[in-house]
C-alpha cells in the first residue's frame, strides 16, 4: 500500500508541470497582439522564462511598430506580416503574464535576465478569443533597445 501511494504521488508530481505548460496550438497565431509596460514580477526559470507585465491604461500602438527591424530566427517566421497585423488585446486587463522562451534559447539570443521595473514590449499570441487567463506567448521581445525572436534560435 505504501509503495502504491508513493507511485501515485510521484506520478502526479511529474504530470503537473506538463499539465500547466501551454503548447503553441493553444494560442491564436492569426491575431498577433502587442503589449508594452513594466515588468512587475519575473520568473527566470524553465520550462520558459515568464514576466508579469503591468500595462498602462491609455494604450496606443507605437507609430514605428510596422517598421521595426526584427532579428532572423532559425524558424520561418514572417515577422513583418506579424507587425503589420499587430493590435492591442480587446480585454482591458492591466496585468498580463508573458511566456518567453526556454532559458537556453534566451541565452542563445543574449537576453539578460529582466528585472522588475524594466520597460518591456512584446509581440505574441494569447488564447483564441482572448478567453481564459491573461497569458501572452511572446514571439518577439523588445527590451533595452534590442529585439529578440523567441520562436527559435538566432539564424
N, C-alpha and C. Protein backbone atom coordinates (compact mmCIF):
# COMPACT_ATOMS: atom_id res chain seq x y z
N UNK A 1 0.82 -1.20 0.00
CA UNK A 1 0.00 0.00 0.00
C UNK A 1 0.86 1.25 0.00
N UNK A 2 1.93 1.25 0.80
CA UNK A 2 2.83 2.40 0.86
C UNK A 2 3.48 2.65 -0.49
N UNK A 3 3.91 1.58 -1.16
CA UNK A 3 4.52 1.73 -2.48
C UNK A 3 3.54 2.32 -3.48
N UNK A 4 2.28 1.91 -3.39
CA UNK A 4 1.26 2.42 -4.30
C UNK A 4 1.06 3.92 -4.10
N UNK A 5 1.01 4.38 -2.85
CA UNK A 5 0.86 5.82 -2.57
C UNK A 5 2.05 6.60 -3.09
N UNK A 6 3.25 6.07 -2.90
CA UNK A 6 4.45 6.76 -3.38
C UNK A 6 4.44 6.85 -4.90
N UNK A 7 4.00 5.78 -5.57
CA UNK A 7 3.92 5.79 -7.03
C UNK A 7 2.92 6.84 -7.51
N UNK A 8 1.74 6.87 -6.90
CA UNK A 8 0.71 7.83 -7.30
C UNK A 8 1.19 9.25 -7.05
N UNK A 9 1.78 9.50 -5.88
CA UNK A 9 2.28 10.84 -5.57
C UNK A 9 3.38 11.24 -6.54
N UNK A 10 4.28 10.34 -6.84
CA UNK A 10 5.35 10.64 -7.79
C UNK A 10 4.82 10.88 -9.19
N UNK A 11 3.83 10.09 -9.59
CA UNK A 11 3.25 10.27 -10.91
C UNK A 11 2.56 11.61 -11.03
N UNK A 12 1.84 12.01 -10.01
CA UNK A 12 1.17 13.32 -10.04
C UNK A 12 2.18 14.45 -10.08
N UNK A 13 3.25 14.33 -9.34
CA UNK A 13 4.27 15.37 -9.32
C UNK A 13 4.91 15.54 -10.70
N UNK A 14 5.08 14.46 -11.42
CA UNK A 14 5.65 14.55 -12.75
C UNK A 14 4.64 15.09 -13.76
N UNK A 15 3.38 14.82 -13.55
CA UNK A 15 2.36 15.23 -14.51
C UNK A 15 2.00 16.70 -14.39
N UNK A 16 2.10 17.28 -13.22
CA UNK A 16 1.64 18.66 -13.03
C UNK A 16 2.36 19.69 -13.89
N UNK A 17 3.70 19.69 -14.00
CA UNK A 17 4.32 20.69 -14.85
C UNK A 17 3.88 20.58 -16.31
N UNK A 18 3.70 19.39 -16.83
CA UNK A 18 3.27 19.23 -18.21
C UNK A 18 1.84 19.75 -18.38
N UNK A 19 1.01 19.52 -17.39
CA UNK A 19 -0.37 19.99 -17.44
C UNK A 19 -0.43 21.52 -17.42
N UNK A 20 0.44 22.14 -16.65
CA UNK A 20 0.41 23.59 -16.51
C UNK A 20 1.05 24.31 -17.68
N UNK A 21 1.85 23.63 -18.48
CA UNK A 21 2.56 24.26 -19.58
C UNK A 21 1.69 24.26 -20.83
N UNK A 22 1.75 25.36 -21.59
CA UNK A 22 0.93 25.50 -22.79
C UNK A 22 1.77 25.26 -24.03
N UNK A 23 1.25 24.54 -25.02
CA UNK A 23 1.91 24.42 -26.32
C UNK A 23 1.45 25.55 -27.21
N UNK A 24 2.07 25.70 -28.36
CA UNK A 24 1.72 26.79 -29.28
C UNK A 24 0.30 26.63 -29.82
N UNK A 25 -0.21 25.41 -29.90
CA UNK A 25 -1.53 25.18 -30.50
C UNK A 25 -2.67 25.82 -29.71
N UNK A 26 -2.45 26.16 -28.45
CA UNK A 26 -3.48 26.79 -27.64
C UNK A 26 -3.67 28.27 -27.97
N UNK A 27 -2.73 28.82 -28.73
CA UNK A 27 -2.71 30.26 -28.97
C UNK A 27 -3.18 30.60 -30.38
N UNK A 28 -3.88 31.74 -30.51
CA UNK A 28 -4.40 32.21 -31.79
C UNK A 28 -3.27 32.90 -32.55
N UNK A 29 -2.61 32.16 -33.43
CA UNK A 29 -1.47 32.69 -34.16
C UNK A 29 -1.86 33.51 -35.38
N UNK A 30 -3.15 33.69 -35.59
CA UNK A 30 -3.64 34.55 -36.67
C UNK A 30 -3.87 35.98 -36.20
N UNK A 31 -3.74 36.20 -34.91
CA UNK A 31 -4.05 37.51 -34.33
C UNK A 31 -2.92 37.94 -33.38
N UNK A 32 -1.84 38.49 -33.93
CA UNK A 32 -0.73 38.92 -33.07
C UNK A 32 -1.13 40.13 -32.23
N UNK A 33 -0.78 40.06 -30.96
CA UNK A 33 -1.07 41.15 -30.03
C UNK A 33 0.23 41.82 -29.61
N UNK A 34 0.14 43.10 -29.37
CA UNK A 34 1.28 43.88 -28.91
C UNK A 34 0.98 44.37 -27.49
N UNK A 35 1.92 44.18 -26.60
CA UNK A 35 1.82 44.68 -25.23
C UNK A 35 3.09 45.42 -24.88
N UNK A 36 2.94 46.43 -24.07
CA UNK A 36 4.12 47.10 -23.51
C UNK A 36 3.77 47.59 -22.12
N UNK A 37 4.78 47.60 -21.27
CA UNK A 37 4.56 48.04 -19.90
C UNK A 37 5.81 47.80 -19.08
N UNK A 38 5.61 47.73 -17.78
CA UNK A 38 6.72 47.50 -16.85
C UNK A 38 6.62 46.10 -16.26
N UNK A 39 7.77 45.45 -16.16
CA UNK A 39 7.83 44.14 -15.52
C UNK A 39 7.60 44.33 -14.03
N UNK A 40 6.62 43.62 -13.49
CA UNK A 40 6.36 43.71 -12.05
C UNK A 40 6.85 42.48 -11.31
N UNK A 41 6.95 41.36 -12.03
CA UNK A 41 7.41 40.11 -11.44
C UNK A 41 8.11 39.32 -12.54
N UNK A 42 9.22 38.69 -12.21
CA UNK A 42 9.98 37.93 -13.19
C UNK A 42 10.27 36.55 -12.64
N UNK A 43 10.00 35.52 -13.44
CA UNK A 43 10.31 34.15 -13.09
C UNK A 43 11.28 33.63 -14.16
N UNK A 44 12.57 33.70 -13.87
CA UNK A 44 13.61 33.31 -14.82
C UNK A 44 13.97 31.86 -14.58
N UNK A 45 13.16 30.96 -15.15
CA UNK A 45 13.29 29.53 -14.89
C UNK A 45 12.72 28.75 -16.07
N UNK A 46 12.96 27.46 -16.08
CA UNK A 46 12.37 26.58 -17.09
C UNK A 46 11.03 26.06 -16.59
N UNK A 47 10.05 25.71 -17.43
CA UNK A 47 10.27 25.40 -18.83
C UNK A 47 10.45 26.62 -19.73
N UNK A 48 10.15 27.83 -19.25
CA UNK A 48 10.41 29.05 -20.01
C UNK A 48 10.38 30.22 -19.03
N UNK A 49 11.09 31.28 -19.38
CA UNK A 49 11.03 32.48 -18.56
C UNK A 49 9.65 33.09 -18.63
N UNK A 50 9.27 33.79 -17.58
CA UNK A 50 7.97 34.47 -17.54
C UNK A 50 8.15 35.86 -16.94
N UNK A 51 7.39 36.79 -17.46
CA UNK A 51 7.39 38.16 -16.96
C UNK A 51 5.95 38.59 -16.76
N UNK A 52 5.64 39.07 -15.56
CA UNK A 52 4.33 39.68 -15.34
C UNK A 52 4.48 41.14 -15.75
N UNK A 53 3.63 41.56 -16.68
CA UNK A 53 3.72 42.89 -17.27
C UNK A 53 2.52 43.72 -16.85
N UNK A 54 2.79 44.90 -16.32
CA UNK A 54 1.72 45.83 -15.99
C UNK A 54 1.56 46.81 -17.14
N UNK A 55 0.36 46.84 -17.71
CA UNK A 55 0.05 47.62 -18.90
C UNK A 55 -0.56 48.96 -18.49
N UNK A 56 -0.12 50.07 -19.11
CA UNK A 56 -0.73 51.36 -18.78
C UNK A 56 -2.19 51.42 -19.26
N UNK A 57 -2.94 52.34 -18.69
CA UNK A 57 -4.37 52.46 -19.04
C UNK A 57 -4.58 52.94 -20.47
N UNK A 58 -3.84 53.93 -20.88
CA UNK A 58 -4.03 54.51 -22.22
C UNK A 58 -3.09 53.82 -23.20
N UNK A 59 -3.65 52.94 -24.00
CA UNK A 59 -2.85 52.15 -24.92
C UNK A 59 -2.88 52.74 -26.32
N UNK A 60 -1.73 52.72 -26.97
CA UNK A 60 -1.63 53.13 -28.37
C UNK A 60 -0.46 52.38 -28.98
N UNK A 61 -0.68 51.81 -30.15
CA UNK A 61 0.41 51.12 -30.82
C UNK A 61 1.48 52.14 -31.21
N UNK A 62 2.74 51.81 -31.05
CA UNK A 62 3.81 52.74 -31.45
C UNK A 62 3.74 53.02 -32.95
N UNK A 63 3.98 54.26 -33.33
CA UNK A 63 3.90 54.67 -34.73
C UNK A 63 4.90 53.91 -35.60
N UNK A 64 6.03 53.50 -35.03
CA UNK A 64 7.07 52.82 -35.80
C UNK A 64 6.97 51.30 -35.75
N UNK A 65 5.92 50.77 -35.16
CA UNK A 65 5.85 49.33 -34.95
C UNK A 65 5.99 48.53 -36.25
N UNK A 66 5.30 48.94 -37.31
CA UNK A 66 5.34 48.19 -38.57
C UNK A 66 6.71 48.24 -39.24
N UNK A 67 7.53 49.22 -38.88
CA UNK A 67 8.84 49.36 -39.49
C UNK A 67 9.98 48.81 -38.63
N UNK A 68 9.68 48.25 -37.49
CA UNK A 68 10.75 47.76 -36.61
C UNK A 68 11.57 46.67 -37.28
N UNK A 69 12.87 46.76 -37.08
CA UNK A 69 13.77 45.72 -37.57
C UNK A 69 13.67 44.52 -36.63
N UNK A 70 13.51 43.35 -37.22
CA UNK A 70 13.39 42.13 -36.43
C UNK A 70 14.56 41.21 -36.75
N UNK A 71 15.06 40.51 -35.74
CA UNK A 71 16.17 39.59 -35.99
C UNK A 71 15.70 38.34 -36.73
N UNK A 72 16.62 37.74 -37.45
CA UNK A 72 16.31 36.49 -38.16
C UNK A 72 16.38 35.32 -37.19
N UNK A 73 15.36 34.45 -37.27
CA UNK A 73 15.30 33.26 -36.45
C UNK A 73 15.56 32.04 -37.32
N UNK A 74 15.93 30.94 -36.70
CA UNK A 74 16.13 29.71 -37.45
C UNK A 74 14.81 29.11 -37.92
N UNK A 75 13.71 29.44 -37.28
CA UNK A 75 12.38 29.02 -37.73
C UNK A 75 11.85 30.05 -38.73
N UNK A 76 11.04 29.59 -39.66
CA UNK A 76 10.45 30.51 -40.64
C UNK A 76 9.31 31.28 -39.98
N UNK A 77 9.55 32.55 -39.71
CA UNK A 77 8.55 33.43 -39.10
C UNK A 77 8.48 34.69 -39.95
N UNK A 78 7.28 35.05 -40.41
CA UNK A 78 7.11 36.27 -41.19
C UNK A 78 6.86 37.43 -40.22
N UNK A 79 7.94 37.93 -39.66
CA UNK A 79 7.84 38.99 -38.66
C UNK A 79 7.21 40.26 -39.18
N UNK A 80 7.52 40.63 -40.42
CA UNK A 80 6.94 41.86 -40.99
C UNK A 80 5.42 41.75 -41.06
N UNK A 81 4.92 40.59 -41.46
CA UNK A 81 3.45 40.40 -41.53
C UNK A 81 2.84 40.45 -40.14
N UNK A 82 3.53 39.88 -39.15
CA UNK A 82 3.01 39.93 -37.78
C UNK A 82 2.96 41.37 -37.27
N UNK A 83 4.00 42.14 -37.53
CA UNK A 83 3.99 43.55 -37.11
C UNK A 83 2.86 44.31 -37.79
N UNK A 84 2.63 44.04 -39.07
CA UNK A 84 1.57 44.73 -39.81
C UNK A 84 0.18 44.41 -39.26
N UNK A 85 0.00 43.20 -38.73
CA UNK A 85 -1.30 42.79 -38.20
C UNK A 85 -1.46 43.03 -36.70
N UNK A 86 -0.41 43.52 -36.05
CA UNK A 86 -0.42 43.65 -34.58
C UNK A 86 -1.54 44.57 -34.11
N UNK A 87 -2.11 44.22 -32.98
CA UNK A 87 -3.16 45.02 -32.36
C UNK A 87 -3.10 44.85 -30.85
N UNK A 88 -3.79 45.73 -30.16
CA UNK A 88 -3.91 45.60 -28.71
C UNK A 88 -4.94 44.53 -28.42
N UNK A 89 -4.86 43.92 -27.24
CA UNK A 89 -5.93 42.99 -26.85
C UNK A 89 -7.24 43.76 -26.71
N UNK A 90 -8.36 43.06 -26.90
CA UNK A 90 -9.65 43.71 -26.69
C UNK A 90 -9.99 43.80 -25.21
N UNK A 91 -9.52 42.84 -24.44
CA UNK A 91 -9.77 42.90 -22.99
C UNK A 91 -8.85 43.94 -22.38
N UNK A 92 -9.27 44.52 -21.29
CA UNK A 92 -8.56 45.65 -20.70
C UNK A 92 -7.86 45.31 -19.38
N UNK A 93 -7.45 44.08 -19.22
CA UNK A 93 -6.72 43.70 -18.01
C UNK A 93 -5.42 44.49 -17.95
N UNK A 94 -5.04 44.91 -16.76
CA UNK A 94 -3.82 45.70 -16.58
C UNK A 94 -2.59 44.84 -16.37
N UNK A 95 -2.77 43.57 -16.01
CA UNK A 95 -1.62 42.68 -15.79
C UNK A 95 -1.72 41.47 -16.71
N UNK A 96 -0.61 41.17 -17.37
CA UNK A 96 -0.51 40.03 -18.27
C UNK A 96 0.71 39.21 -17.91
N UNK A 97 0.59 37.92 -18.02
CA UNK A 97 1.74 37.03 -17.86
C UNK A 97 2.28 36.75 -19.25
N UNK A 98 3.54 37.10 -19.46
CA UNK A 98 4.18 36.90 -20.76
C UNK A 98 5.09 35.68 -20.66
N UNK A 99 4.82 34.68 -21.50
CA UNK A 99 5.66 33.49 -21.56
C UNK A 99 6.75 33.73 -22.59
N UNK A 100 7.99 33.65 -22.14
CA UNK A 100 9.13 33.83 -23.01
C UNK A 100 9.59 32.46 -23.53
N UNK A 101 10.81 32.37 -23.99
CA UNK A 101 11.38 31.11 -24.47
C UNK A 101 12.04 30.37 -23.32
N UNK A 102 12.45 29.12 -23.55
CA UNK A 102 13.25 28.41 -22.55
C UNK A 102 14.55 29.18 -22.28
N UNK A 103 15.10 29.00 -21.10
CA UNK A 103 16.30 29.75 -20.72
C UNK A 103 17.47 29.52 -21.68
N UNK A 104 17.63 28.31 -22.19
CA UNK A 104 18.73 28.06 -23.12
C UNK A 104 18.58 28.89 -24.39
N UNK A 105 17.36 29.08 -24.86
CA UNK A 105 17.14 29.90 -26.06
C UNK A 105 17.33 31.39 -25.72
N UNK A 106 16.88 31.83 -24.55
CA UNK A 106 17.10 33.21 -24.14
C UNK A 106 18.60 33.50 -24.07
N UNK A 107 19.37 32.53 -23.57
CA UNK A 107 20.83 32.68 -23.51
C UNK A 107 21.43 32.74 -24.91
N UNK A 108 20.93 31.91 -25.83
CA UNK A 108 21.43 31.92 -27.21
C UNK A 108 21.22 33.29 -27.85
N UNK A 109 20.13 33.94 -27.51
CA UNK A 109 19.85 35.29 -28.03
C UNK A 109 20.64 36.37 -27.28
N UNK A 110 21.18 36.03 -26.13
CA UNK A 110 21.90 37.02 -25.34
C UNK A 110 20.98 37.90 -24.51
N UNK A 111 19.78 37.41 -24.21
CA UNK A 111 18.83 38.17 -23.39
C UNK A 111 19.30 38.12 -21.94
N UNK A 112 19.52 39.27 -21.37
CA UNK A 112 19.87 39.33 -19.95
C UNK A 112 18.60 39.19 -19.12
N UNK A 113 18.75 38.65 -17.92
CA UNK A 113 17.59 38.47 -17.06
C UNK A 113 16.89 39.81 -16.84
N UNK A 114 15.61 39.83 -17.11
CA UNK A 114 14.81 41.04 -16.95
C UNK A 114 14.55 41.26 -15.47
N UNK A 115 14.70 42.46 -15.03
CA UNK A 115 14.49 42.81 -13.62
C UNK A 115 13.15 43.53 -13.47
N UNK A 116 12.50 43.37 -12.31
CA UNK A 116 11.27 44.14 -12.07
C UNK A 116 11.52 45.63 -12.26
N UNK A 117 10.56 46.30 -12.88
CA UNK A 117 10.68 47.73 -13.17
C UNK A 117 11.16 48.02 -14.58
N UNK A 118 11.66 47.01 -15.28
CA UNK A 118 12.16 47.19 -16.63
C UNK A 118 11.01 47.40 -17.61
N UNK A 119 11.18 48.32 -18.56
CA UNK A 119 10.21 48.51 -19.64
C UNK A 119 10.38 47.38 -20.63
N UNK A 120 9.27 46.74 -20.98
CA UNK A 120 9.29 45.59 -21.88
C UNK A 120 8.14 45.73 -22.87
N UNK A 121 8.41 45.38 -24.12
CA UNK A 121 7.38 45.29 -25.14
C UNK A 121 7.45 43.90 -25.74
N UNK A 122 6.31 43.37 -26.12
CA UNK A 122 6.26 42.04 -26.73
C UNK A 122 5.21 41.99 -27.83
N UNK A 123 5.49 41.16 -28.80
CA UNK A 123 4.53 40.83 -29.84
C UNK A 123 4.33 39.33 -29.72
N UNK A 124 3.09 38.92 -29.58
CA UNK A 124 2.85 37.50 -29.38
C UNK A 124 1.39 37.15 -29.54
N UNK A 125 1.03 36.04 -28.90
CA UNK A 125 -0.31 35.48 -29.10
C UNK A 125 -0.92 35.07 -27.77
N UNK A 126 -2.23 35.26 -27.66
CA UNK A 126 -2.96 34.81 -26.49
C UNK A 126 -3.94 33.72 -26.93
N UNK A 127 -4.71 33.24 -25.99
CA UNK A 127 -5.67 32.18 -26.29
C UNK A 127 -6.73 32.66 -27.28
N UNK A 128 -7.23 31.76 -28.07
CA UNK A 128 -8.26 32.07 -29.05
C UNK A 128 -9.43 32.77 -28.39
N UNK A 129 -9.85 33.88 -28.96
CA UNK A 129 -10.96 34.65 -28.42
C UNK A 129 -10.62 35.40 -27.15
N UNK A 130 -9.32 35.45 -26.82
CA UNK A 130 -8.85 36.09 -25.58
C UNK A 130 -9.58 35.54 -24.36
N UNK A 131 -9.94 34.27 -24.42
CA UNK A 131 -10.63 33.64 -23.30
C UNK A 131 -9.62 33.06 -22.32
N UNK A 132 -10.01 32.98 -21.08
CA UNK A 132 -9.14 32.38 -20.07
C UNK A 132 -8.18 33.38 -19.47
N UNK A 133 -7.03 32.86 -19.08
CA UNK A 133 -6.02 33.68 -18.40
C UNK A 133 -5.44 34.74 -19.32
N UNK A 134 -4.92 35.78 -18.72
CA UNK A 134 -4.24 36.84 -19.47
C UNK A 134 -2.79 36.42 -19.68
N UNK A 135 -2.61 35.51 -20.62
CA UNK A 135 -1.29 34.96 -20.94
C UNK A 135 -0.97 35.32 -22.38
N UNK A 136 0.25 35.81 -22.60
CA UNK A 136 0.71 36.11 -23.95
C UNK A 136 1.98 35.29 -24.20
N UNK A 137 1.98 34.48 -25.26
CA UNK A 137 3.17 33.73 -25.66
C UNK A 137 3.97 34.64 -26.58
N UNK A 138 5.16 35.03 -26.16
CA UNK A 138 5.97 36.01 -26.89
C UNK A 138 6.60 35.40 -28.13
N UNK A 139 6.40 36.06 -29.25
CA UNK A 139 7.10 35.73 -30.50
C UNK A 139 8.34 36.61 -30.61
N UNK A 140 8.15 37.90 -30.33
CA UNK A 140 9.26 38.86 -30.33
C UNK A 140 9.27 39.61 -29.02
N UNK A 141 10.45 39.82 -28.50
CA UNK A 141 10.66 40.55 -27.26
C UNK A 141 11.48 41.79 -27.58
N UNK A 142 11.04 42.94 -27.05
CA UNK A 142 11.74 44.20 -27.23
C UNK A 142 12.10 44.73 -25.84
N UNK A 143 13.39 44.77 -25.55
CA UNK A 143 13.83 45.24 -24.23
C UNK A 143 15.22 45.86 -24.37
N UNK A 144 15.42 46.98 -23.70
CA UNK A 144 16.71 47.64 -23.71
C UNK A 144 17.16 48.07 -25.09
N UNK A 145 16.22 48.44 -25.97
CA UNK A 145 16.56 48.88 -27.31
C UNK A 145 16.92 47.74 -28.27
N UNK A 146 16.74 46.51 -27.85
CA UNK A 146 17.06 45.36 -28.69
C UNK A 146 15.81 44.54 -28.97
N UNK A 147 15.85 43.81 -30.09
CA UNK A 147 14.75 42.91 -30.47
C UNK A 147 15.26 41.49 -30.48
N UNK A 148 14.42 40.57 -29.99
CA UNK A 148 14.77 39.17 -29.94
C UNK A 148 13.62 38.34 -30.50
N UNK A 149 13.93 37.37 -31.34
CA UNK A 149 12.94 36.44 -31.85
C UNK A 149 12.95 35.20 -30.97
N UNK A 150 11.83 34.84 -30.39
CA UNK A 150 11.83 33.79 -29.38
C UNK A 150 11.28 32.45 -29.83
N UNK A 151 10.78 32.34 -31.06
CA UNK A 151 10.23 31.07 -31.53
C UNK A 151 11.34 30.03 -31.68
N UNK A 152 12.53 30.52 -32.07
CA UNK A 152 13.65 29.60 -32.29
C UNK A 152 14.96 30.33 -31.99
N UNK A 153 16.06 29.68 -32.28
CA UNK A 153 17.38 30.26 -32.04
C UNK A 153 17.72 31.28 -33.11
N UNK A 154 18.73 32.12 -32.84
CA UNK A 154 19.15 33.09 -33.87
C UNK A 154 19.61 32.36 -35.13
N UNK A 155 19.32 32.95 -36.29
CA UNK A 155 19.72 32.34 -37.57
C UNK A 155 21.18 32.65 -37.85
